């Protein structure tokens, strides 16, 4: 009988341990950190590619060394799994103490009491100069109850991610094509002309094995739209504008790169090997590059590459996006002071930033460190200044950062493939897509109104 009771007790203890490890939540630390010398436990949930996961795990260890009374339990997922798992944790009110979140979710998370207002903790923090952090990054996580960009802080930037255009310098030199001007963007026509020269059969087997470029519409269409003077929504952020002739022109040009000019891999060729892998193998002349790519490119790329401005549409000015992830603190955390200290260490502490920059997975959040980093000749590529130019000059926020949710924006891409495949014109598509998008945007606006009344 005693043995049975012991086994039952052991089973319950093991079951509780497994559930706690899987959930990785705030309530896990309710019984620790009581001021009697026991360690405070925090849970940090984040996502990233393998190099980024390793980098952040290493930096968390440095935080623990600096804060010996704190133990950080890590919950890490691949990028495609993260949103689902975070939503499940929030729905179950099992929110990690510290976690990544998309800035487009800021207002909804504040209204639903997911995020802690960390303003007073940040202001009282020692050794962190928030004035040295990119203002555009910090402002993405300020909210005054009505407008993002002002008011109290509900998060800190994990990073700013300017999406630059890379080019294969070795391919240019082999083809005898003048290198791009790092200070002057190509026009769309100039870009196509160069891409045509780079698209070729290099081994004489009758099949193309090198292309001018290979761009994913989800991540690169924005720059073409913005540089042509168009956008997804108007200045009031309440009206969908994808039927603007300038928008249609940009979308059609994007599709024509494959179907008319044939400077990108065909549908069948893209299925055989995606364009990211083709870039790594030196088969593409142009390809987007983010700061998070640098460590992987150092290890895998055998050719020389550098960065240039994106080709410019009718405005004559390049455009691209500056992404970001926020580091938020749960409103349910039992240890707000320590949780904010972890968020600050990952986002703004000079020691934490240096460790992340040294592992080449992101651009420094510190403006001063970033400027020094951009000039460092030991870090490839040479023209890292392009990343800073995007932040300071021609980078845009995603349209979803201005709306209560991104369902209306996702709708645009949901059935876009026929346009990209040349089976439907851009004009036909936007006429069908706009009413659906507007309906979802109207719903988002109404949701925000209702949430703000609670």
Protein backbone atom coordinates (compact mmCIF):
# COMPACT_ATOMS: atom_id res chain seq x y z
CA UNK A 1 0.00 0.00 0.00
CA UNK A 2 2.82 2.35 0.95
CA UNK A 3 4.68 1.48 -2.26
CA UNK A 4 1.54 2.22 -4.31
CA UNK A 5 1.11 5.56 -2.57
CA UNK A 6 4.75 6.48 -3.22
CA UNK A 7 4.46 5.51 -6.88
CA UNK A 8 1.32 7.61 -7.22
CA UNK A 9 3.08 10.57 -5.61
CA UNK A 10 6.09 10.13 -7.90
CA UNK A 11 3.85 9.89 -10.96
CA UNK A 12 2.03 13.11 -10.04
CA UNK A 13 5.33 14.89 -9.47
CA UNK A 14 6.69 13.77 -12.83
CA UNK A 15 3.46 14.72 -14.60
CA UNK A 16 3.56 18.19 -13.06
CA UNK A 17 7.20 18.61 -14.11
CA UNK A 18 6.44 17.62 -17.71
CA UNK A 19 3.44 19.96 -17.93
CA UNK A 20 5.45 22.82 -16.49
CA UNK A 21 8.28 22.27 -18.96
CA UNK A 22 5.91 22.21 -21.90
CA UNK A 23 3.96 25.27 -20.89
CA UNK A 24 6.98 27.33 -19.86
CA UNK A 25 4.81 29.93 -18.16
CA UNK A 26 4.66 32.64 -15.57
CA UNK A 27 2.95 30.51 -12.92
CA UNK A 28 5.91 28.17 -12.91
CA UNK A 29 7.90 30.59 -10.81
CA UNK A 30 5.17 31.34 -8.26
CA UNK A 31 6.96 29.37 -5.54
CA UNK A 32 10.48 30.61 -6.11
CA UNK A 33 12.28 33.89 -5.64
CA UNK A 34 10.79 34.40 -2.17
CA UNK A 35 13.72 36.39 -0.82
CA UNK A 36 15.18 33.43 1.12
CA UNK A 37 18.08 32.86 -1.24
CA UNK A 38 16.16 30.68 -3.67
CA UNK A 39 16.59 31.39 -7.36
CA UNK A 40 14.00 33.36 -9.24
CA UNK A 41 12.86 31.48 -12.34
CA UNK A 42 11.83 33.23 -15.54
CA UNK A 43 10.63 31.77 -18.80
CA UNK A 44 11.85 33.30 -22.06
CA UNK A 45 10.01 32.25 -25.23
CA UNK A 46 11.52 33.17 -28.58
CA UNK A 47 12.05 32.00 -32.12
CA UNK A 48 14.80 32.04 -34.71
CA UNK A 49 16.87 30.20 -37.25
CA UNK A 50 19.53 27.81 -35.84
CA UNK A 51 22.32 30.43 -35.70
CA UNK A 52 20.02 32.92 -33.97
CA UNK A 53 18.77 30.33 -31.49
CA UNK A 54 22.34 29.51 -30.50
CA UNK A 55 23.26 33.17 -30.19
CA UNK A 56 20.36 34.01 -27.88
CA UNK A 57 20.90 30.95 -25.72
CA UNK A 58 24.51 32.06 -25.24
CA UNK A 59 23.46 35.59 -24.33
CA UNK A 60 20.92 34.29 -21.82
CA UNK A 61 23.76 32.39 -20.14
CA UNK A 62 25.68 35.66 -19.86
CA UNK A 63 22.63 37.26 -18.25
CA UNK A 64 22.44 34.43 -15.72
CA UNK A 65 26.14 34.88 -14.89
CA UNK A 66 25.49 38.56 -14.28
CA UNK A 67 22.34 37.78 -12.24
CA UNK A 68 23.22 34.63 -10.23
CA UNK A 69 19.86 34.74 -8.42
CA UNK A 70 17.95 34.26 -11.70
CA UNK A 71 17.41 31.07 -13.69
CA UNK A 72 16.00 31.51 -17.20
CA UNK A 73 14.04 28.61 -18.67
CA UNK A 74 14.15 28.83 -22.46
CA UNK A 75 11.28 27.87 -24.75
CA UNK A 76 12.41 28.17 -28.35
CA UNK A 77 10.64 27.34 -31.61
CA UNK A 78 11.27 27.62 -35.31
CA UNK A 79 9.84 30.82 -36.86
CA UNK A 80 6.88 29.06 -38.50
CA UNK A 81 5.68 27.51 -35.22
CA UNK A 82 6.09 30.49 -32.93
CA UNK A 83 2.88 32.45 -33.54
CA UNK A 84 0.67 29.40 -33.01
CA UNK A 85 2.37 28.44 -29.76
CA UNK A 86 2.32 31.98 -28.41
CA UNK A 87 -1.39 32.36 -29.22
CA UNK A 88 -2.09 29.11 -27.40
CA UNK A 89 -0.17 30.29 -24.34
CA UNK A 90 -2.03 33.61 -24.33
CA UNK A 91 -5.42 31.96 -24.80
CA UNK A 92 -4.71 29.72 -21.81
CA UNK A 93 -3.41 32.69 -19.78
CA UNK A 94 -0.12 30.83 -19.51
CA UNK A 95 2.01 33.65 -20.81
CA UNK A 96 5.82 33.38 -20.67
CA UNK A 97 7.51 35.99 -18.47
CA UNK A 98 9.46 37.38 -21.42
CA UNK A 99 8.62 36.73 -25.06
CA UNK A 100 8.91 37.97 -28.62
CA UNK A 101 5.90 39.62 -30.22
CA UNK A 102 5.10 41.33 -33.49
CA UNK A 103 4.72 45.14 -33.22
CA UNK A 104 1.47 44.85 -35.17
CA UNK A 105 0.01 43.06 -32.14
CA UNK A 106 0.91 45.83 -29.68
CA UNK A 107 -2.50 47.49 -29.39
CA UNK A 108 -4.43 44.23 -29.10
CA UNK A 109 -2.01 42.90 -26.47
CA UNK A 110 -2.24 46.10 -24.42
CA UNK A 111 -6.04 46.16 -24.62
CA UNK A 112 -6.28 42.52 -23.57
CA UNK A 113 -3.79 42.97 -20.72
CA UNK A 114 -1.18 40.61 -22.14
CA UNK A 115 1.71 43.07 -21.92
CA UNK A 116 3.11 44.74 -18.83
CA UNK A 117 3.68 48.51 -18.90
CA UNK A 118 7.45 48.49 -18.38
CA UNK A 119 7.99 52.28 -18.42
CA UNK A 120 8.90 52.76 -14.75
CA UNK A 121 11.22 49.76 -14.71
CA UNK A 122 13.10 50.98 -17.77
CA UNK A 123 13.35 54.53 -16.45
CA UNK A 124 14.80 53.25 -13.16
CA UNK A 125 17.23 50.86 -14.81
CA UNK A 126 20.95 51.55 -14.37
CA UNK A 127 23.58 51.16 -17.05
CA UNK A 128 21.17 51.33 -20.01
CA UNK A 129 20.98 54.44 -22.17
CA UNK A 130 17.68 54.22 -24.00
CA UNK A 131 18.58 57.39 -25.90
CA UNK A 132 21.28 55.43 -27.72
CA UNK A 133 18.80 52.85 -29.02
CA UNK A 134 17.26 53.42 -32.44
CA UNK A 135 14.33 55.77 -31.81
CA UNK A 136 12.35 54.15 -34.63
CA UNK A 137 12.76 50.84 -32.87
CA UNK A 138 11.73 52.03 -29.41
CA UNK A 139 8.72 53.94 -30.76
CA UNK A 140 7.28 50.79 -32.29
CA UNK A 141 6.50 49.68 -28.72
CA UNK A 142 5.08 52.91 -27.28
CA UNK A 143 1.31 53.25 -26.97
CA UNK A 144 -0.79 55.95 -25.32
CA UNK A 145 -4.12 54.16 -25.67
CA UNK A 146 -4.87 55.68 -29.05
CA UNK A 147 -1.72 55.97 -31.10
CA UNK A 148 1.36 53.79 -31.48
CA UNK A 149 4.66 55.66 -31.33
CA UNK A 150 3.93 57.74 -28.27
CA UNK A 151 3.12 57.14 -24.63
CA UNK A 152 4.25 54.36 -22.30
CA UNK A 153 6.52 51.47 -23.18
CA UNK A 154 5.02 48.01 -23.53
CA UNK A 155 8.07 46.37 -25.05
CA UNK A 156 11.59 46.86 -26.31
CA UNK A 157 12.98 46.17 -29.77
CA UNK A 158 14.66 42.83 -30.07
CA UNK A 159 16.18 44.41 -33.16
CA UNK A 160 15.53 46.44 -36.25
CA UNK A 161 15.71 44.41 -39.44
CA UNK A 162 16.37 46.51 -42.54
CA UNK A 163 15.83 44.35 -45.64
CA UNK A 164 18.58 45.28 -48.09
CA UNK A 165 19.28 44.16 -51.65
CA UNK A 166 22.37 42.03 -52.15
CA UNK A 167 24.19 41.38 -55.38
CA UNK A 168 26.65 38.69 -56.45
CA UNK A 169 29.83 40.67 -57.07
CA UNK A 170 31.69 37.66 -58.43
CA UNK A 171 28.97 37.02 -61.03
CA UNK A 172 29.13 40.64 -62.20
CA UNK A 173 32.89 40.51 -62.59
CA UNK A 174 32.81 37.23 -64.53
CA UNK A 175 30.18 38.68 -66.89
CA UNK A 176 32.13 41.90 -67.36
CA UNK A 177 29.19 44.01 -66.14
CA UNK A 178 29.98 47.27 -64.30
CA UNK A 179 29.32 46.95 -60.59
CA UNK A 180 26.20 48.71 -59.26
CA UNK A 181 26.54 52.18 -57.76
CA UNK A 182 26.07 51.85 -53.99
CA UNK A 183 24.78 55.43 -53.82
CA UNK A 184 22.42 55.47 -56.79
CA UNK A 185 19.59 52.99 -57.30
CA UNK A 186 18.83 51.36 -60.63
CA UNK A 187 15.63 52.40 -62.35
CA UNK A 188 13.28 49.48 -62.95
CA UNK A 189 14.33 49.33 -66.59
CA UNK A 190 18.03 49.40 -65.70
CA UNK A 191 17.45 46.62 -63.21
CA UNK A 192 15.73 44.47 -65.84
CA UNK A 193 18.47 45.17 -68.39
CA UNK A 194 21.17 43.97 -65.98
CA UNK A 195 19.09 40.95 -64.94
CA UNK A 196 18.76 39.94 -68.60
CA UNK A 197 22.53 40.00 -69.02
CA UNK A 198 22.97 37.83 -65.94
CA UNK A 199 20.34 35.25 -66.97
CA UNK A 200 22.16 32.61 -69.00
CA UNK A 201 23.09 29.03 -69.71
CA UNK A 202 26.67 28.93 -68.46
CA UNK A 203 27.55 25.31 -69.34
CA UNK A 204 25.98 25.08 -72.80
CA UNK A 205 23.51 22.29 -72.01
CA UNK A 206 20.55 24.28 -73.31
CA UNK A 207 19.12 24.97 -69.86
CA UNK A 208 19.33 28.13 -67.80
CA UNK A 209 21.44 27.72 -64.68
CA UNK A 210 21.93 31.38 -63.73
CA UNK A 211 19.31 34.11 -63.31
CA UNK A 212 19.20 37.82 -62.68
CA UNK A 213 17.17 37.46 -59.50
CA UNK A 214 14.54 35.46 -57.61
CA UNK A 215 12.25 37.40 -55.29
CA UNK A 216 9.46 36.29 -52.96
CA UNK A 217 6.39 38.52 -53.25
CA UNK A 218 5.54 38.23 -49.55
CA UNK A 219 8.81 39.86 -48.55
CA UNK A 220 9.89 41.97 -51.52
CA UNK A 221 6.80 43.30 -53.32
CA UNK A 222 6.52 46.09 -50.73
CA UNK A 223 9.61 47.91 -51.96
CA UNK A 224 8.35 48.04 -55.55
CA UNK A 225 4.94 49.33 -54.44
CA UNK A 226 6.34 52.00 -52.13
CA UNK A 227 9.01 53.20 -54.57
CA UNK A 228 6.25 53.69 -57.14
CA UNK A 229 4.34 56.00 -54.81
CA UNK A 230 1.63 53.52 -53.77
CA UNK A 231 0.64 51.65 -50.61
CA UNK A 232 -1.84 49.10 -49.24
CA UNK A 233 -3.83 51.65 -47.22
CA UNK A 234 -4.34 55.41 -47.23
CA UNK A 235 -2.95 57.94 -44.76
CA UNK A 236 -5.96 57.55 -42.46
CA UNK A 237 -5.16 53.81 -42.22
CA UNK A 238 -8.84 53.04 -42.81
CA UNK A 239 -9.11 52.59 -46.59
CA UNK A 240 -7.53 49.85 -48.73
CA UNK A 241 -5.80 51.36 -51.80
CA UNK A 242 -4.53 48.37 -53.78
CA UNK A 243 -6.55 49.48 -56.82
CA UNK A 244 -4.36 52.59 -57.19
CA UNK A 245 -2.90 52.55 -60.75
CA UNK A 246 0.59 52.96 -59.28
CA UNK A 247 0.03 49.90 -57.11
CA UNK A 248 -1.22 47.90 -60.09
CA UNK A 249 1.80 48.97 -62.13
CA UNK A 250 4.19 47.81 -59.40
CA UNK A 251 2.45 44.46 -58.95
CA UNK A 252 2.41 43.83 -62.69
CA UNK A 253 6.09 44.71 -62.99
CA UNK A 254 6.88 42.28 -60.21
CA UNK A 255 5.00 39.46 -61.97
CA UNK A 256 6.55 40.38 -65.33
CA UNK A 257 10.04 39.66 -64.02
CA UNK A 258 9.17 35.98 -64.27
CA UNK A 259 6.57 35.86 -67.02
CA UNK A 260 7.60 38.59 -69.45
CA UNK A 261 11.29 39.26 -68.88
CA UNK A 262 12.10 35.71 -67.66
CA UNK A 263 14.92 36.86 -65.39
CA UNK A 264 13.84 34.68 -62.46
CA UNK A 265 13.60 30.89 -62.17
CA UNK A 266 10.38 29.48 -63.64
CA UNK A 267 7.67 27.90 -61.48
CA UNK A 268 9.07 24.43 -62.16
CA UNK A 269 12.67 25.53 -61.52
CA UNK A 270 11.68 27.20 -58.25
CA UNK A 271 10.03 23.97 -57.11
CA UNK A 272 13.19 22.02 -57.85
CA UNK A 273 15.33 24.36 -55.78
CA UNK A 274 14.09 27.48 -53.98
CA UNK A 275 15.65 30.85 -54.69
CA UNK A 276 17.33 31.12 -51.28
CA UNK A 277 19.31 27.95 -52.01
CA UNK A 278 20.06 29.20 -55.53
CA UNK A 279 21.47 32.41 -54.06
CA UNK A 280 23.67 30.43 -51.67
CA UNK A 281 24.96 28.41 -54.62
CA UNK A 282 25.81 31.52 -56.61
CA UNK A 283 23.06 31.13 -59.22
CA UNK A 284 21.34 34.52 -58.72
CA UNK A 285 22.61 38.02 -59.42
CA UNK A 286 20.40 39.85 -56.90
CA UNK A 287 18.78 38.65 -53.68
CA UNK A 288 17.48 40.29 -50.46
CA UNK A 289 19.75 40.26 -47.43
CA UNK A 290 18.84 40.90 -43.79
CA UNK A 291 21.30 41.35 -40.89
CA UNK A 292 20.12 37.98 -39.55
CA UNK A 293 21.56 36.32 -42.69
CA UNK A 294 25.18 37.36 -42.18
CA UNK A 295 26.32 34.46 -39.98
CA UNK A 296 24.81 31.86 -42.33
CA UNK A 297 26.22 33.60 -45.40
CA UNK A 298 29.70 33.66 -43.84
CA UNK A 299 29.54 29.90 -43.51
CA UNK A 300 27.86 28.96 -46.78
CA UNK A 301 28.60 31.51 -49.51
CA UNK A 302 31.66 30.96 -51.70
CA UNK A 303 31.37 34.15 -53.75
CA UNK A 304 31.80 37.85 -52.98
CA UNK A 305 28.62 39.83 -52.41
CA UNK A 306 27.66 43.32 -51.33
CA UNK A 307 24.63 45.55 -50.71
CA UNK A 308 23.01 48.26 -52.84
CA UNK A 309 19.75 50.27 -52.79
CA UNK A 310 16.61 48.62 -54.15
CA UNK A 311 15.63 49.63 -57.72
CA UNK A 312 13.46 52.74 -57.75
CA UNK A 313 10.05 53.17 -59.38
CA UNK A 314 8.39 56.40 -60.46
CA UNK A 315 9.33 58.27 -57.27
CA UNK A 316 13.01 57.90 -58.13
CA UNK A 317 13.66 56.80 -54.55
CA UNK A 318 14.31 53.25 -53.34
CA UNK A 319 12.10 51.67 -50.70
CA UNK A 320 12.05 48.57 -48.55
CA UNK A 321 10.85 47.57 -45.12
CA UNK A 322 12.39 47.78 -41.69
CA UNK A 323 11.04 44.90 -39.67
CA UNK A 324 11.24 44.41 -35.94
CA UNK A 325 10.31 42.02 -33.19
CA UNK A 326 9.44 43.25 -29.74
CA UNK A 327 10.56 41.78 -26.46
CA UNK A 328 7.60 41.97 -24.14
CA UNK A 329 7.03 41.16 -20.47
CA UNK A 330 3.90 39.36 -19.34
CA UNK A 331 1.42 41.29 -17.22
CA UNK A 332 1.09 38.05 -15.22
CA UNK A 333 4.76 37.66 -14.33
CA UNK A 334 5.50 37.18 -10.64
CA UNK A 335 8.88 38.90 -11.07
CA UNK A 336 8.42 42.06 -13.15
CA UNK A 337 11.71 43.68 -12.10
CA UNK A 338 13.83 40.69 -13.11
CA UNK A 339 11.79 40.05 -16.26
CA UNK A 340 12.33 43.63 -17.42
CA UNK A 341 16.04 43.32 -16.60
CA UNK A 342 16.21 40.31 -18.94
CA UNK A 343 14.35 42.21 -21.69
CA UNK A 344 16.69 45.18 -21.25
CA UNK A 345 19.77 42.94 -21.34
CA UNK A 346 18.64 41.41 -24.63
CA UNK A 347 17.60 44.72 -26.18
CA UNK A 348 19.70 47.55 -24.80
CA UNK A 349 22.48 46.46 -22.46
CA UNK A 350 25.90 47.15 -24.08
CA UNK A 351 27.28 43.80 -22.93
CA UNK A 352 24.30 41.84 -24.24
CA UNK A 353 24.32 43.75 -27.51
CA UNK A 354 28.02 43.12 -28.08
CA UNK A 355 27.55 39.41 -27.55
CA UNK A 356 24.75 39.29 -30.13
CA UNK A 357 26.61 41.43 -32.64
CA UNK A 358 29.73 39.31 -32.28
CA UNK A 359 27.66 36.29 -33.33
CA UNK A 360 26.42 38.16 -36.43
CA UNK A 361 22.71 37.52 -36.15
CA UNK A 362 21.43 41.09 -36.01
CA UNK A 363 22.20 44.74 -36.46
CA UNK A 364 23.13 46.49 -33.20
CA UNK A 365 20.28 48.27 -31.41
CA UNK A 366 22.77 50.84 -30.18
CA UNK A 367 23.15 53.62 -32.77
CA UNK A 368 26.76 54.20 -31.72
CA UNK A 369 27.71 50.52 -31.89
CA UNK A 370 25.87 50.15 -35.22
CA UNK A 371 27.84 52.99 -36.78
CA UNK A 372 31.11 51.38 -35.66
CA UNK A 373 29.91 47.97 -36.84
CA UNK A 374 29.05 49.31 -40.30
CA UNK A 375 32.62 50.57 -40.73
CA UNK A 376 34.30 47.35 -39.57
CA UNK A 377 36.06 45.87 -42.65
CA UNK A 378 36.39 42.46 -41.00
CA UNK A 379 32.62 41.94 -41.15
CA UNK A 380 31.12 41.13 -44.54
CA UNK A 381 29.62 42.58 -46.64
CA UNK A 382 31.59 45.79 -47.18
CA UNK A 383 28.63 48.16 -47.62
CA UNK A 384 26.85 47.48 -44.33
CA UNK A 385 26.11 51.20 -44.29
CA UNK A 386 23.18 50.31 -46.56
CA UNK A 387 21.41 48.79 -43.56
CA UNK A 388 21.75 52.06 -41.66
CA UNK A 389 20.63 54.08 -44.68
CA UNK A 390 17.45 52.01 -44.82
CA UNK A 391 16.70 52.76 -41.16
CA UNK A 392 17.53 56.47 -41.46
CA UNK A 393 16.29 57.23 -44.95
CA UNK A 394 14.17 54.92 -47.06
CA UNK A 395 12.84 52.15 -44.86
CA UNK A 396 9.10 51.71 -44.19
CA UNK A 397 7.10 49.91 -41.52
CA UNK A 398 4.80 47.07 -42.57
CA UNK A 399 1.23 48.28 -43.20
CA UNK A 400 -0.04 45.96 -40.45
CA UNK A 401 1.77 47.98 -37.80
CA UNK A 402 -0.85 50.70 -38.29
CA UNK A 403 -3.91 48.47 -37.92
CA UNK A 404 -5.43 46.41 -35.12
CA UNK A 405 -4.65 43.12 -36.84
CA UNK A 406 -3.16 41.95 -40.12
CA UNK A 407 -5.96 39.74 -41.46
CA UNK A 408 -6.85 42.28 -44.15
CA UNK A 409 -3.22 42.35 -45.34
CA UNK A 410 -2.88 38.56 -45.31
CA UNK A 411 -5.96 38.41 -47.54
CA UNK A 412 -4.03 40.21 -50.28
CA UNK A 413 -1.45 37.42 -50.50
CA UNK A 414 -3.90 34.56 -50.03
CA UNK A 415 -4.78 34.16 -53.71
CA UNK A 416 -1.97 36.10 -55.38
CA UNK A 417 -0.28 33.13 -57.06
CA UNK A 418 -2.20 33.33 -60.39
CA UNK A 419 -0.82 36.85 -60.88
CA UNK A 420 2.72 35.69 -60.17
CA UNK A 421 2.24 32.77 -62.56
CA UNK A 422 0.97 35.05 -65.34
CA UNK A 423 -2.55 33.58 -65.35
CA UNK A 424 -4.25 36.77 -64.14
CA UNK A 425 -3.41 40.43 -64.58
CA UNK A 426 -2.60 42.63 -61.59
CA UNK A 427 -5.58 44.85 -62.41
CA UNK A 428 -8.01 41.93 -62.41
CA UNK A 429 -6.67 40.66 -59.13
CA UNK A 430 -6.80 43.86 -57.09
CA UNK A 431 -10.40 44.51 -58.15
CA UNK A 432 -11.37 41.15 -56.66
CA UNK A 433 -9.14 41.43 -53.62
CA UNK A 434 -9.93 44.98 -52.49
CA UNK A 435 -13.54 44.43 -51.27
CA UNK A 436 -12.48 41.41 -49.21
CA UNK A 437 -9.56 43.32 -47.76
CA UNK A 438 -11.70 46.36 -46.94
CA UNK A 439 -14.26 44.21 -45.14
CA UNK A 440 -11.55 42.69 -42.94
CA UNK A 441 -9.99 46.09 -42.28
CA UNK A 442 -13.40 47.47 -41.26
CA UNK A 443 -13.79 44.56 -38.87
CA UNK A 444 -10.37 45.26 -37.37
CA UNK A 445 -11.28 48.91 -36.83
CA UNK A 446 -14.51 47.88 -35.10
CA UNK A 447 -12.67 45.32 -32.94
CA UNK A 448 -10.33 48.04 -31.73
CA UNK A 449 -13.25 50.33 -30.89
CA UNK A 450 -14.92 47.60 -28.86
CA UNK A 451 -11.70 46.59 -27.11
CA UNK A 452 -10.87 50.16 -26.13
CA UNK A 453 -14.28 50.51 -24.40
CA UNK A 454 -13.59 47.62 -22.05
